Amino acid sequence: MKALSNFRLLVMQKAWNMVKETGISMAQALKDAWALVKLQALKALMKVGAVLITFRKIDGTVTTRKATKKTDLIPAEKHPKYGNRESEYIWVLPFFDTEKQAWRSLKAENLISFSIL
């Protein structure tokens, strides 16, 4: 229960900061903060192992992928060549699709759900 209240507190803090910095409505800020916190949690899980993610593709179809960012699960020739540039794109999540053996990405607002494998 403590983790849930900490999670809610984090979402509220991010939302309030968005309202102060951008002037958007609290409703929109909460929606955006929720998406951002979910994406950050997903990033952390992917660094530890594989995760099953469900998201909406650009064409509108819903897809499920086995995704990871753990270098042990990514073939050496597919490792990122440009280092860690994640801080540049906080609303986009690049991930390695373990079934297709290729890099993919998704936007925070298109994430539907995720679960640990």
PDB file of N, CA and C in Angstrom:
ATOM      1  N   MET A   1       0.823  -1.192   0.000  1.00  0.00           N
ATOM      2  CA  MET A   1       0.000   0.000   0.000  1.00  0.00           C
ATOM      3  C   MET A   1       0.870   1.260   0.000  1.00  0.00           C
ATOM      4  N   LYS A   2       2.025   1.166   0.673  1.00  0.00           N
ATOM      5  CA  LYS A   2       2.946   2.306   0.736  1.00  0.00           C
ATOM      6  C   LYS A   2       3.454   2.672  -0.656  1.00  0.00           C
ATOM      7  N   ALA A   3       3.754   1.658  -1.475  1.00  0.00           N
ATOM      8  CA  ALA A   3       4.254   1.919  -2.829  1.00  0.00           C
ATOM      9  C   ALA A   3       3.203   2.636  -3.666  1.00  0.00           C
ATOM     10  N   LEU A   4       1.935   2.262  -3.495  1.00  0.00           N
ATOM     11  CA  LEU A   4       0.856   2.908  -4.252  1.00  0.00           C
ATOM     12  C   LEU A   4       0.716   4.373  -3.860  1.00  0.00           C
ATOM     13  N   SER A   5       0.807   4.674  -2.576  1.00  0.00           N
ATOM     14  CA  SER A   5       0.687   6.075  -2.160  1.00  0.00           C
ATOM     15  C   SER A   5       1.891   6.879  -2.642  1.00  0.00           C
ATOM     16  N   ASN A   6       3.086   6.272  -2.667  1.00  0.00           N
ATOM     17  CA  ASN A   6       4.261   6.961  -3.212  1.00  0.00           C
ATOM     18  C   ASN A   6       4.094   7.210  -4.701  1.00  0.00           C
ATOM     19  N   PHE A   7       3.508   6.250  -5.402  1.00  0.00           N
ATOM     20  CA  PHE A   7       3.265   6.385  -6.830  1.00  0.00           C
ATOM     21  C   PHE A   7       2.292   7.536  -7.099  1.00  0.00           C
ATOM     22  N   ARG A   8       1.226   7.588  -6.330  1.00  0.00           N
ATOM     23  CA  ARG A   8       0.249   8.672  -6.474  1.00  0.00           C
ATOM     24  C   ARG A   8       0.874  10.026  -6.172  1.00  0.00           C
ATOM     25  N   LEU A   9       1.706  10.067  -5.140  1.00  0.00           N
ATOM     26  CA  LEU A   9       2.384  11.299  -4.780  1.00  0.00           C
ATOM     27  C   LEU A   9       3.291  11.761  -5.914  1.00  0.00           C
ATOM     28  N   LEU A  10       4.023  10.852  -6.527  1.00  0.00           N
ATOM     29  CA  LEU A  10       4.903  11.185  -7.644  1.00  0.00           C
ATOM     30  C   LEU A  10       4.109  11.749  -8.818  1.00  0.00           C
ATOM     31  N   VAL A  11       2.974  11.123  -9.138  1.00  0.00           N
ATOM     32  CA  VAL A  11       2.132  11.606 -10.241  1.00  0.00           C
ATOM     33  C   VAL A  11       1.608  13.003  -9.935  1.00  0.00           C
ATOM     34  N   MET A  12       1.147  13.219  -8.716  1.00  0.00           N
ATOM     35  CA  MET A  12       0.621  14.537  -8.340  1.00  0.00           C
ATOM     36  C   MET A  12       1.711  15.610  -8.383  1.00  0.00           C
ATOM     37  N   GLN A  13       2.904  15.280  -7.922  1.00  0.00           N
ATOM     38  CA  GLN A  13       4.001  16.249  -7.950  1.00  0.00           C
ATOM     39  C   GLN A  13       4.359  16.626  -9.384  1.00  0.00           C
ATOM     40  N   LYS A  14       4.464  15.636 -10.258  1.00  0.00           N
ATOM     41  CA  LYS A  14       4.785  15.915 -11.661  1.00  0.00           C
ATOM     42  C   LYS A  14       3.678  16.755 -12.306  1.00  0.00           C
ATOM     43  N   ALA A  15       2.432  16.410 -12.014  1.00  0.00           N
ATOM     44  CA  ALA A  15       1.308  17.152 -12.591  1.00  0.00           C
ATOM     45  C   ALA A  15       1.332  18.611 -12.116  1.00  0.00           C
ATOM     46  N   TRP A  16       1.549  18.820 -10.839  1.00  0.00           N
ATOM     47  CA  TRP A  16       1.558  20.181 -10.315  1.00  0.00           C
ATOM     48  C   TRP A  16       2.698  20.990 -10.934  1.00  0.00           C
ATOM     49  N   ASN A  17       3.864  20.351 -11.121  1.00  0.00           N
ATOM     50  CA  ASN A  17       4.977  21.046 -11.765  1.00  0.00           C
ATOM     51  C   ASN A  17       4.635  21.416 -13.210  1.00  0.00           C
ATOM     52  N   MET A  18       3.922  20.541 -13.906  1.00  0.00           N
ATOM     53  CA  MET A  18       3.507  20.837 -15.283  1.00  0.00           C
ATOM     54  C   MET A  18       2.555  22.032 -15.314  1.00  0.00           C
ATOM     55  N   VAL A  19       1.638  22.082 -14.368  1.00  0.00           N
ATOM     56  CA  VAL A  19       0.680  23.194 -14.302  1.00  0.00           C
ATOM     57  C   VAL A  19       1.432  24.505 -14.067  1.00  0.00           C
ATOM     58  N   LYS A  20       2.379  24.496 -13.137  1.00  0.00           N
ATOM     59  CA  LYS A  20       3.141  25.708 -12.827  1.00  0.00           C
ATOM     60  C   LYS A  20       4.014  26.143 -13.999  1.00  0.00           C
ATOM     61  N   GLU A  21       4.649  25.178 -14.677  1.00  0.00           N
ATOM     62  CA  GLU A  21       5.594  25.518 -15.733  1.00  0.00           C
ATOM     63  C   GLU A  21       4.930  25.867 -17.060  1.00  0.00           C
ATOM     64  N   THR A  22       3.822  25.198 -17.380  1.00  0.00           N
ATOM     65  CA  THR A  22       3.231  25.381 -18.708  1.00  0.00           C
ATOM     66  C   THR A  22       1.883  26.074 -18.689  1.00  0.00           C
ATOM     67  N   GLY A  23       1.204  26.061 -17.549  1.00  0.00           N
ATOM     68  CA  GLY A  23      -0.100  26.699 -17.474  1.00  0.00           C
ATOM     69  C   GLY A  23      -1.241  25.851 -18.015  1.00  0.00           C
ATOM     70  N   ILE A  24      -0.995  24.564 -18.266  1.00  0.00           N
ATOM     71  CA  ILE A  24      -2.073  23.693 -18.741  1.00  0.00           C
ATOM     72  C   ILE A  24      -3.022  23.382 -17.596  1.00  0.00           C
ATOM     73  N   SER A  25      -4.168  22.823 -17.909  1.00  0.00           N
ATOM     74  CA  SER A  25      -5.145  22.495 -16.872  1.00  0.00           C
ATOM     75  C   SER A  25      -4.635  21.326 -16.027  1.00  0.00           C
ATOM     76  N   MET A  26      -5.130  21.243 -14.813  1.00  0.00           N
ATOM     77  CA  MET A  26      -4.724  20.157 -13.917  1.00  0.00           C
ATOM     78  C   MET A  26      -5.152  18.805 -14.482  1.00  0.00           C
ATOM     79  N   ALA A  27      -6.299  18.756 -15.135  1.00  0.00           N
ATOM     80  CA  ALA A  27      -6.772  17.493 -15.729  1.00  0.00           C
ATOM     81  C   ALA A  27      -5.795  16.994 -16.788  1.00  0.00           C
ATOM     82  N   GLN A  28      -5.361  17.886 -17.661  1.00  0.00           N
ATOM     83  CA  GLN A  28      -4.403  17.504 -18.703  1.00  0.00           C
ATOM     84  C   GLN A  28      -3.051  17.162 -18.088  1.00  0.00           C
ATOM     85  N   ALA A  29      -2.644  17.919 -17.076  1.00  0.00           N
ATOM     86  CA  ALA A  29      -1.365  17.662 -16.408  1.00  0.00           C
ATOM     87  C   ALA A  29      -1.361  16.293 -15.734  1.00  0.00           C
ATOM     88  N   LEU A  30      -2.473  15.915 -15.114  1.00  0.00           N
ATOM     89  CA  LEU A  30      -2.557  14.596 -14.485  1.00  0.00           C
ATOM     90  C   LEU A  30      -2.468  13.485 -15.528  1.00  0.00           C
ATOM     91  N   LYS A  31      -3.129  13.678 -16.646  1.00  0.00           N
ATOM     92  CA  LYS A  31      -3.073  12.692 -17.722  1.00  0.00           C
ATOM     93  C   LYS A  31      -1.636  12.533 -18.236  1.00  0.00           C
ATOM     94  N   ASP A  32      -0.971  13.665 -18.457  1.00  0.00           N
ATOM     95  CA  ASP A  32       0.404  13.640 -18.949  1.00  0.00           C
ATOM     96  C   ASP A  32       1.364  13.064 -17.913  1.00  0.00           C
ATOM     97  N   ALA A  33       1.192  13.436 -16.660  1.00  0.00           N
ATOM     98  CA  ALA A  33       2.065  12.938 -15.595  1.00  0.00           C
ATOM     99  C   ALA A  33       1.910  11.436 -15.427  1.00  0.00           C
ATOM    100  N   TRP A  34       0.682  10.953 -15.496  1.00  0.00           N
ATOM    101  CA  TRP A  34       0.419   9.517 -15.398  1.00  0.00           C
ATOM    102  C   TRP A  34       1.145   8.775 -16.522  1.00  0.00           C
ATOM    103  N   ALA A  35       1.050   9.268 -17.747  1.00  0.00           N
ATOM    104  CA  ALA A  35       1.719   8.628 -18.891  1.00  0.00           C
ATOM    105  C   ALA A  35       3.235   8.649 -18.712  1.00  0.00           C
ATOM    106  N   LEU A  36       3.772   9.750 -18.228  1.00  0.00           N
ATOM    107  CA  LEU A  36       5.207   9.882 -18.044  1.00  0.00           C
ATOM    108  C   LEU A  36       5.726   8.951 -16.953  1.00  0.00           C
ATOM    109  N   VAL A  37       5.012   8.842 -15.848  1.00  0.00           N
ATOM    110  CA  VAL A  37       5.438   7.957 -14.754  1.00  0.00           C
ATOM    111  C   VAL A  37       5.361   6.496 -15.192  1.00  0.00           C
ATOM    112  N   LYS A  38       4.320   6.136 -15.932  1.00  0.00           N
ATOM    113  CA  LYS A  38       4.233   4.760 -16.444  1.00  0.00           C
ATOM    114  C   LYS A  38       5.411   4.458 -17.362  1.00  0.00           C
ATOM    115  N   LEU A  39       5.760   5.405 -18.222  1.00  0.00           N
ATOM    116  CA  LEU A  39       6.869   5.213 -19.147  1.00  0.00           C
ATOM    117  C   LEU A  39       8.193   5.075 -18.399  1.00  0.00           C
ATOM    118  N   GLN A  40       8.394   5.861 -17.356  1.00  0.00           N
ATOM    119  CA  GLN A  40       9.614   5.766 -16.567  1.00  0.00           C
ATOM    120  C   GLN A  40       9.697   4.428 -15.832  1.00  0.00           C
ATOM    121  N   ALA A  41       8.572   3.936 -15.327  1.00  0.00           N
ATOM    122  CA  ALA A  41       8.559   2.630 -14.671  1.00  0.00           C
ATOM    123  C   ALA A  41       8.888   1.525 -15.670  1.00  0.00           C
ATOM    124  N   LEU A  42       8.336   1.643 -16.868  1.00  0.00           N
ATOM    125  CA  LEU A  42       8.599   0.666 -17.916  1.00  0.00           C
ATOM    126  C   LEU A  42      10.071   0.669 -18.310  1.00  0.00           C
ATOM    127  N   LYS A  43      10.673   1.847 -18.435  1.00  0.00           N
ATOM    128  CA  LYS A  43      12.102   1.943 -18.756  1.00  0.00           C
ATOM    129  C   LYS A  43      12.935   1.207 -17.718  1.00  0.00           C
ATOM    130  N   ALA A  44      12.616   1.415 -16.449  1.00  0.00           N
ATOM    131  CA  ALA A  44      13.364   0.768 -15.368  1.00  0.00           C
ATOM    132  C   ALA A  44      13.224  -0.755 -15.434  1.00  0.00           C
ATOM    133  N   LEU A  45      12.023  -1.248 -15.707  1.00  0.00           N
ATOM    134  CA  LEU A  45      11.811  -2.699 -15.807  1.00  0.00           C
ATOM    135  C   LEU A  45      12.550  -3.296 -17.001  1.00  0.00           C
ATOM    136  N   MET A  46      12.594  -2.569 -18.111  1.00  0.00           N
ATOM    137  CA  MET A  46      13.266  -3.068 -19.308  1.00  0.00           C
ATOM    138  C   MET A  46      14.771  -3.180 -19.123  1.00  0.00           C
ATOM    139  N   LYS A  47      15.343  -2.364 -18.263  1.00  0.00           N
ATOM    140  CA  LYS A  47      16.777  -2.442 -18.017  1.00  0.00           C
ATOM    141  C   LYS A  47      17.146  -3.678 -17.212  1.00  0.00           C
ATOM    142  N   VAL A  48      16.164  -4.267 -16.528  1.00  0.00           N
ATOM    143  CA  VAL A  48      16.392  -5.450 -15.701  1.00  0.00           C
ATOM    144  C   VAL A  48      16.141  -6.737 -16.480  1.00  0.00           C
ATOM    145  N   GLY A  49      15.170  -6.721 -17.422  1.00  0.00           N
ATOM    146  CA  GLY A  49      14.841  -7.925 -18.177  1.00  0.00           C
ATOM    147  C   GLY A  49      13.811  -7.645 -19.252  1.00  0.00           C
ATOM    148  N   ALA A  50      13.182  -8.707 -19.719  1.00  0.00           N
ATOM    149  CA  ALA A  50      12.179  -8.577 -20.776  1.00  0.00           C
ATOM    150  C   ALA A  50      10.811  -8.248 -20.187  1.00  0.00           C
ATOM    151  N   VAL A  51      10.049  -7.459 -20.923  1.00  0.00           N
ATOM    152  CA  VAL A  51       8.724  -7.019 -20.505  1.00  0.00           C
ATOM    153  C   VAL A  51       7.772  -7.194 -21.684  1.00  0.00           C
ATOM    154  N   LEU A  52       6.559  -7.624 -21.408  1.00  0.00           N
ATOM    155  CA  LEU A  52       5.530  -7.733 -22.437  1.00  0.00           C
ATOM    156  C   LEU A  52       4.761  -6.412 -22.453  1.00  0.00           C
ATOM    157  N   ILE A  53       4.811  -5.697 -23.580  1.00  0.00           N
ATOM    158  CA  ILE A  53       4.137  -4.403 -23.656  1.00  0.00           C
ATOM    159  C   ILE A  53       3.039  -4.433 -24.714  1.00  0.00           C
ATOM    160  N   THR A  54       1.980  -3.726 -24.445  1.00  0.00           N
ATOM    161  CA  THR A  54       0.880  -3.560 -25.392  1.00  0.00           C
ATOM    162  C   THR A  54       0.744  -2.069 -25.654  1.00  0.00           C
ATOM    163  N   PHE A  55       0.729  -1.704 -26.939  1.00  0.00           N
ATOM    164  CA  PHE A  55       0.643  -0.301 -27.298  1.00  0.00           C
ATOM    165  C   PHE A  55      -0.057  -0.126 -28.631  1.00  0.00           C
ATOM    166  N   ARG A  56      -0.476   1.106 -28.882  1.00  0.00           N
ATOM    167  CA  ARG A  56      -1.145   1.457 -30.132  1.00  0.00           C
ATOM    168  C   ARG A  56      -0.093   1.964 -31.104  1.00  0.00           C
ATOM    169  N   LYS A  57      -0.043   1.349 -32.290  1.00  0.00           N
ATOM    170  CA  LYS A  57       0.903   1.766 -33.311  1.00  0.00           C
ATOM    171  C   LYS A  57       0.392   3.036 -33.998  1.00  0.00           C
ATOM    172  N   ILE A  58       1.247   3.644 -34.804  1.00  0.00           N
ATOM    173  CA  ILE A  58       0.891   4.895 -35.487  1.00  0.00           C
ATOM    174  C   ILE A  58      -0.331   4.716 -36.376  1.00  0.00           C
ATOM    175  N   ASP A  59      -0.466   3.527 -36.995  1.00  0.00           N
ATOM    176  CA  ASP A  59      -1.607   3.293 -37.887  1.00  0.00           C
ATOM    177  C   ASP A  59      -2.902   2.985 -37.130  1.00  0.00           C
ATOM    178  N   GLY A  60      -2.844   2.950 -35.786  1.00  0.00           N
ATOM    179  CA  GLY A  60      -4.036   2.738 -34.976  1.00  0.00           C
ATOM    180  C   GLY A  60      -4.228   1.319 -34.487  1.00  0.00           C
ATOM    181  N   THR A  61      -3.484   0.368 -35.016  1.00  0.00           N
ATOM    182  CA  THR A  61      -3.617  -1.021 -34.571  1.00  0.00           C
ATOM    183  C   THR A  61      -2.945  -1.196 -33.214  1.00  0.00           C
ATOM    184  N   VAL A  62      -3.454  -2.145 -32.446  1.00  0.00           N
ATOM    185  CA  VAL A  62      -2.893  -2.452 -31.137  1.00  0.00           C
ATOM    186  C   VAL A  62      -2.017  -3.688 -31.283  1.00  0.00           C
ATOM    187  N   THR A  63      -0.822  -3.639 -30.722  1.00  0.00           N
ATOM    188  CA  THR A  63       0.118  -4.744 -30.831  1.00  0.00           C
ATOM    189  C   THR A  63       0.754  -5.046 -29.486  1.00  0.00           C
ATOM    190  N   THR A  64       1.233  -6.267 -29.340  1.00  0.00           N
ATOM    191  CA  THR A  64       1.928  -6.697 -28.133  1.00  0.00           C
ATOM    192  C   THR A  64       3.317  -7.176 -28.531  1.00  0.00           C
ATOM    193  N   ARG A  65       4.318  -6.744 -27.796  1.00  0.00           N
ATOM    194  CA  ARG A  65       5.706  -7.079 -28.105  1.00  0.00           C
ATOM    195  C   ARG A  65       6.454  -7.481 -26.833  1.00  0.00           C
ATOM    196  N   LYS A  66       7.451  -8.358 -27.000  1.00  0.00           N
ATOM    197  CA  LYS A  66       8.391  -8.655 -25.928  1.00  0.00           C
ATOM    198  C   LYS A  66       9.535  -7.670 -26.099  1.00  0.00           C
ATOM    199  N   ALA A  67       9.730  -6.823 -25.105  1.00  0.00           N
ATOM    200  CA  ALA A  67      10.684  -5.727 -25.230  1.00  0.00           C
ATOM    201  C   ALA A  67      11.701  -5.745 -24.103  1.00  0.00           C
ATOM    202  N   THR A  68      12.892  -5.230 -24.399  1.00  0.00           N
ATOM    203  CA  THR A  68      13.933  -5.128 -23.390  1.00  0.00           C
ATOM    204  C   THR A  68      14.890  -4.007 -23.729  1.00  0.00           C
ATOM    205  N   LYS A  69      15.679  -3.629 -22.726  1.00  0.00           N
ATOM    206  CA  LYS A  69      16.803  -2.714 -22.911  1.00  0.00           C
ATOM    207  C   LYS A  69      18.034  -3.297 -22.219  1.00  0.00           C
ATOM    208  N   LYS A  70      17.900  -4.518 -21.711  1.00  0.00           N
ATOM    209  CA  LYS A  70      19.007  -5.188 -21.031  1.00  0.00           C
ATOM    210  C   LYS A  70      19.991  -5.680 -22.081  1.00  0.00           C
ATOM    211  N   THR A  71      21.237  -5.235 -21.988  1.00  0.00           N
ATOM    212  CA  THR A  71      22.220  -5.542 -23.025  1.00  0.00           C
ATOM    213  C   THR A  71      22.525  -7.035 -23.139  1.00  0.00           C
ATOM    214  N   ASP A  72      22.343  -7.791 -22.054  1.00  0.00           N
ATOM    215  CA  ASP A  72      22.580  -9.242 -22.112  1.00  0.00           C
ATOM    216  C   ASP A  72      21.590  -9.935 -23.043  1.00  0.00           C
ATOM    217  N   LEU A  73      20.413  -9.362 -23.235  1.00  0.00           N
ATOM    218  CA  LEU A  73      19.375  -9.973 -24.064  1.00  0.00           C
ATOM    219  C   LEU A  73      19.383  -9.452 -25.499  1.00  0.00           C
ATOM    220  N   ILE A  74      20.280  -8.511 -25.790  1.00  0.00           N
ATOM    221  CA  ILE A  74      20.368  -7.909 -27.125  1.00  0.00           C
ATOM    222  C   ILE A  74      21.648  -8.415 -27.792  1.00  0.00           C
ATOM    223  N   PRO A  75      21.561  -8.919 -29.031  1.00  0.00           N
ATOM    224  CA  PRO A  75      22.774  -9.366 -29.727  1.00  0.00           C
ATOM    225  C   PRO A  75      23.801  -8.226 -29.823  1.00  0.00           C
ATOM    226  N   ALA A  76      25.077  -8.569 -29.749  1.00  0.00           N
ATOM    227  CA  ALA A  76      26.149  -7.575 -29.725  1.00  0.00           C
ATOM    228  C   ALA A  76      26.098  -6.636 -30.925  1.00  0.00           C
ATOM    229  N   GLU A  77      25.772  -7.158 -32.103  1.00  0.00           N
ATOM    230  CA  GLU A  77      25.729  -6.311 -33.299  1.00  0.00           C
ATOM    231  C   GLU A  77      24.554  -5.336 -33.289  1.00  0.00           C
ATOM    232  N   LYS A  78      23.596  -5.536 -32.394  1.00  0.00           N
ATOM    233  CA  LYS A  78      22.421  -4.662 -32.306  1.00  0.00           C
ATOM    234  C   LYS A  78      22.511  -3.670 -31.141  1.00  0.00           C
ATOM    235  N   HIS A  79      23.609  -3.686 -30.386  1.00  0.00           N
ATOM    236  CA  HIS A  79      23.751  -2.746 -29.272  1.00  0.00           C
ATOM    237  C   HIS A  79      23.738  -1.313 -29.791  1.00  0.00           C
ATOM    238  N   PRO A  80      23.223  -0.375 -29.003  1.00  0.00           N
ATOM    239  CA  PRO A  80      23.186   1.023 -29.443  1.00  0.00           C
ATOM    240  C   PRO A  80      24.588   1.546 -29.753  1.00  0.00           C
ATOM    241  N   LYS A  81      24.706   2.268 -30.845  1.00  0.00           N
ATOM    242  CA  LYS A  81      26.004   2.776 -31.281  1.00  0.00           C
ATOM    243  C   LYS A  81      26.309   4.166 -30.737  1.00  0.00           C
ATOM    244  N   TYR A  82      25.301   4.874 -30.264  1.00  0.00           N
ATOM    245  CA  TYR A  82      25.489   6.265 -29.883  1.00  0.00           C
ATOM    246  C   TYR A  82      25.362   6.504 -28.392  1.00  0.00           C
ATOM    247  N   GLY A  83      25.496   5.495 -27.587  1.00  0.00           N
ATOM    248  CA  GLY A  83      25.437   5.659 -26.143  1.00  0.00           C
ATOM    249  C   GLY A  83      24.026   5.909 -25.641  1.00  0.00           C
ATOM    250  N   ASN A  84      23.949   6.453 -24.444  1.00  0.00           N
ATOM    251  CA  ASN A  84      22.665   6.695 -23.790  1.00  0.00           C
ATOM    252  C   ASN A  84      22.185   8.108 -24.091  1.00  0.00           C
ATOM    253  N   ARG A  85      21.143   8.221 -24.909  1.00  0.00           N
ATOM    254  CA  ARG A  85      20.574   9.536 -25.256  1.00  0.00           C
ATOM    255  C   ARG A  85      19.121   9.627 -24.809  1.00  0.00           C
ATOM    256  N   GLU A  86      18.742   8.810 -23.824  1.00  0.00           N
ATOM    257  CA  GLU A  86      17.350   8.760 -23.371  1.00  0.00           C
ATOM    258  C   GLU A  86      16.856  10.074 -22.794  1.00  0.00           C
ATOM    259  N   SER A  87      17.742  10.828 -22.159  1.00  0.00           N
ATOM    260  CA  SER A  87      17.302  12.057 -21.514  1.00  0.00           C
ATOM    261  C   SER A  87      16.800  13.090 -22.519  1.00  0.00           C
ATOM    262  N   GLU A  88      17.164  12.935 -23.795  1.00  0.00           N
ATOM    263  CA  GLU A  88      16.712  13.869 -24.822  1.00  0.00           C
ATOM    264  C   GLU A  88      15.231  13.689 -25.150  1.00  0.00           C
ATOM    265  N   TYR A  89      14.728  12.479 -25.002  1.00  0.00           N
ATOM    266  CA  TYR A  89      13.376  12.164 -25.437  1.00  0.00           C
ATOM    267  C   TYR A  89      12.595  11.525 -24.280  1.00  0.00           C
ATOM    268  N   ILE A  90      12.021  12.338 -23.411  1.00  0.00           N
ATOM    269  CA  ILE A  90      11.341  11.755 -22.255  1.00  0.00           C
ATOM    270  C   ILE A  90       9.975  11.173 -22.605  1.00  0.00           C
ATOM    271  N   TRP A  91       9.384  11.553 -23.730  1.00  0.00           N
ATOM    272  CA  TRP A  91       8.059  11.071 -24.106  1.00  0.00           C
ATOM    273  C   TRP A  91       8.103   9.897 -25.080  1.00  0.00           C
ATOM    274  N   VAL A  92       9.310   9.479 -25.481  1.00  0.00           N
ATOM    275  CA  VAL A  92       9.476   8.379 -26.436  1.00  0.00           C
ATOM    276  C   VAL A  92      10.331   7.303 -25.802  1.00  0.00           C
ATOM    277  N   LEU A  93       9.933   6.051 -25.983  1.00  0.00           N
ATOM    278  CA  LEU A  93      10.673   4.923 -25.423  1.00  0.00           C
ATOM    279  C   LEU A  93      11.203   4.033 -26.540  1.00  0.00           C
ATOM    280  N   PRO A  94      12.512   4.070 -26.795  1.00  0.00           N
ATOM    281  CA  PRO A  94      13.083   3.093 -27.720  1.00  0.00           C
ATOM    282  C   PRO A  94      13.244   1.767 -26.978  1.00  0.00           C
ATOM    283  N   PHE A  95      12.988   0.656 -27.651  1.00  0.00           N
ATOM    284  CA  PHE A  95      13.137  -0.658 -27.025  1.00  0.00           C
ATOM    285  C   PHE A  95      13.577  -1.667 -28.071  1.00  0.00           C
ATOM    286  N   PHE A  96      14.139  -2.782 -27.600  1.00  0.00           N
ATOM    287  CA  PHE A  96      14.548  -3.849 -28.495  1.00  0.00           C
ATOM    288  C   PHE A  96      13.475  -4.927 -28.472  1.00  0.00           C
ATOM    289  N   ASP A  97      12.908  -5.226 -29.623  1.00  0.00           N
ATOM    290  CA  ASP A  97      11.891  -6.270 -29.776  1.00  0.00           C
ATOM    291  C   ASP A  97      12.622  -7.599 -29.887  1.00  0.00           C
ATOM    292  N   THR A  98      12.492  -8.452 -28.859  1.00  0.00           N
ATOM    293  CA  THR A  98      13.251  -9.710 -28.826  1.00  0.00           C
ATOM    294  C   THR A  98      12.757 -10.725 -29.849  1.00  0.00           C
ATOM    295  N   GLU A  99      11.529 -10.622 -30.290  1.00  0.00           N
ATOM    296  CA  GLU A  99      11.012 -11.555 -31.293  1.00  0.00           C
ATOM    297  C   GLU A  99      11.412 -11.142 -32.709  1.00  0.00           C
ATOM    298  N   LYS A 100      11.327  -9.864 -33.015  1.00  0.00           N
ATOM    299  CA  LYS A 100      11.682  -9.358 -34.347  1.00  0.00           C
ATOM    300  C   LYS A 100      13.189  -9.093 -34.478  1.00  0.00           C
ATOM    301  N   GLN A 101      13.893  -9.086 -33.325  1.00  0.00           N
ATOM    302  CA  GLN A 101      15.328  -8.800 -33.288  1.00  0.00           C
ATOM    303  C   GLN A 101      15.646  -7.445 -33.943  1.00  0.00           C
ATOM    304  N   ALA A 102      14.877  -6.435 -33.550  1.00  0.00           N
ATOM    305  CA  ALA A 102      15.060  -5.093 -34.111  1.00  0.00           C
ATOM    306  C   ALA A 102      14.646  -4.051 -33.076  1.00  0.00           C
ATOM    307  N   TRP A 103      15.172  -2.850 -33.245  1.00  0.00           N
ATOM    308  CA  TRP A 103      14.816  -1.736 -32.380  1.00  0.00           C
ATOM    309  C   TRP A 103      13.496  -1.125 -32.837  1.00  0.00           C
ATOM    310  N   ARG A 104      12.660  -0.767 -31.888  1.00  0.00           N
ATOM    311  CA  ARG A 104      11.380  -0.116 -32.124  1.00  0.00           C
ATOM    312  C   ARG A 104      11.250   1.027 -31.121  1.00  0.00           C
ATOM    313  N   SER A 105      10.195   1.811 -31.236  1.00  0.00           N
ATOM    314  CA  SER A 105       9.935   2.854 -30.247  1.00  0.00           C
ATOM    315  C   SER A 105       8.440   3.094 -30.148  1.00  0.00           C
ATOM    316  N   LEU A 106       8.042   3.700 -29.031  1.00  0.00           N
ATOM    317  CA  LEU A 106       6.643   4.064 -28.844  1.00  0.00           C
ATOM    318  C   LEU A 106       6.571   5.359 -28.067  1.00  0.00           C
ATOM    319  N   LYS A 107       5.483   6.084 -28.261  1.00  0.00           N
ATOM    320  CA  LYS A 107       5.239   7.330 -27.539  1.00  0.00           C
ATOM    321  C   LYS A 107       4.485   7.008 -26.260  1.00  0.00           C
ATOM    322  N   ALA A 108       4.695   7.822 -25.253  1.00  0.00           N
ATOM    323  CA  ALA A 108       4.078   7.603 -23.934  1.00  0.00           C
ATOM    324  C   ALA A 108       2.562   7.496 -24.023  1.00  0.00           C
ATOM    325  N   GLU A 109       1.936   8.342 -24.829  1.00  0.00           N
ATOM    326  CA  GLU A 109       0.472   8.335 -24.893  1.00  0.00           C
ATOM    327  C   GLU A 109      -0.091   7.097 -25.600  1.00  0.00           C
ATOM    328  N   ASN A 110       0.762   6.335 -26.285  1.00  0.00           N
ATOM    329  CA  ASN A 110       0.297   5.131 -26.973  1.00  0.00           C
ATOM    330  C   ASN A 110       0.460   3.855 -26.166  1.00  0.00           C
ATOM    331  N   LEU A 111       1.097   3.942 -25.002  1.00  0.00           N
ATOM    332  CA  LEU A 111       1.284   2.783 -24.139  1.00  0.00           C
ATOM    333  C   LEU A 111      -0.055   2.405 -23.502  1.00  0.00           C
ATOM    334  N   ILE A 112      -0.435   1.143 -23.656  1.00  0.00           N
ATOM    335  CA  ILE A 112      -1.696   0.661 -23.079  1.00  0.00           C
ATOM    336  C   ILE A 112      -1.437  -0.089 -21.783  1.00  0.00           C
ATOM    337  N   SER A 113      -0.535  -1.080 -21.826  1.00  0.00           N
ATOM    338  CA  SER A 113      -0.218  -1.845 -20.618  1.00  0.00           C
ATOM    339  C   SER A 113       1.130  -2.524 -20.754  1.00  0.00           C
ATOM    340  N   PHE A 114       1.647  -3.002 -19.631  1.00  0.00           N
ATOM    341  CA  PHE A 114       2.874  -3.777 -19.642  1.00  0.00           C
ATOM    342  C   PHE A 114       2.890  -4.731 -18.471  1.00  0.00           C
ATOM    343  N   SER A 115       3.620  -5.834 -18.635  1.00  0.00           N
ATOM    344  CA  SER A 115       3.757  -6.823 -17.561  1.00  0.00           C
ATOM    345  C   SER A 115       5.130  -7.465 -17.654  1.00  0.00           C
ATOM    346  N   ILE A 116       5.633  -7.883 -16.510  1.00  0.00           N
ATOM    347  CA  ILE A 116       6.945  -8.507 -16.437  1.00  0.00           C
ATOM    348  C   ILE A 116       6.838  -9.951 -16.908  1.00  0.00           C
ATOM    349  N   LEU A 117       7.804 -10.377 -17.696  1.00  0.00           N
ATOM    350  CA  LEU A 117       7.833 -11.772 -18.159  1.00  0.00           C
ATOM    351  C   LEU A 117       8.568 -12.649 -17.189  1.00  0.00           C
TER     352      LEU A 117
END
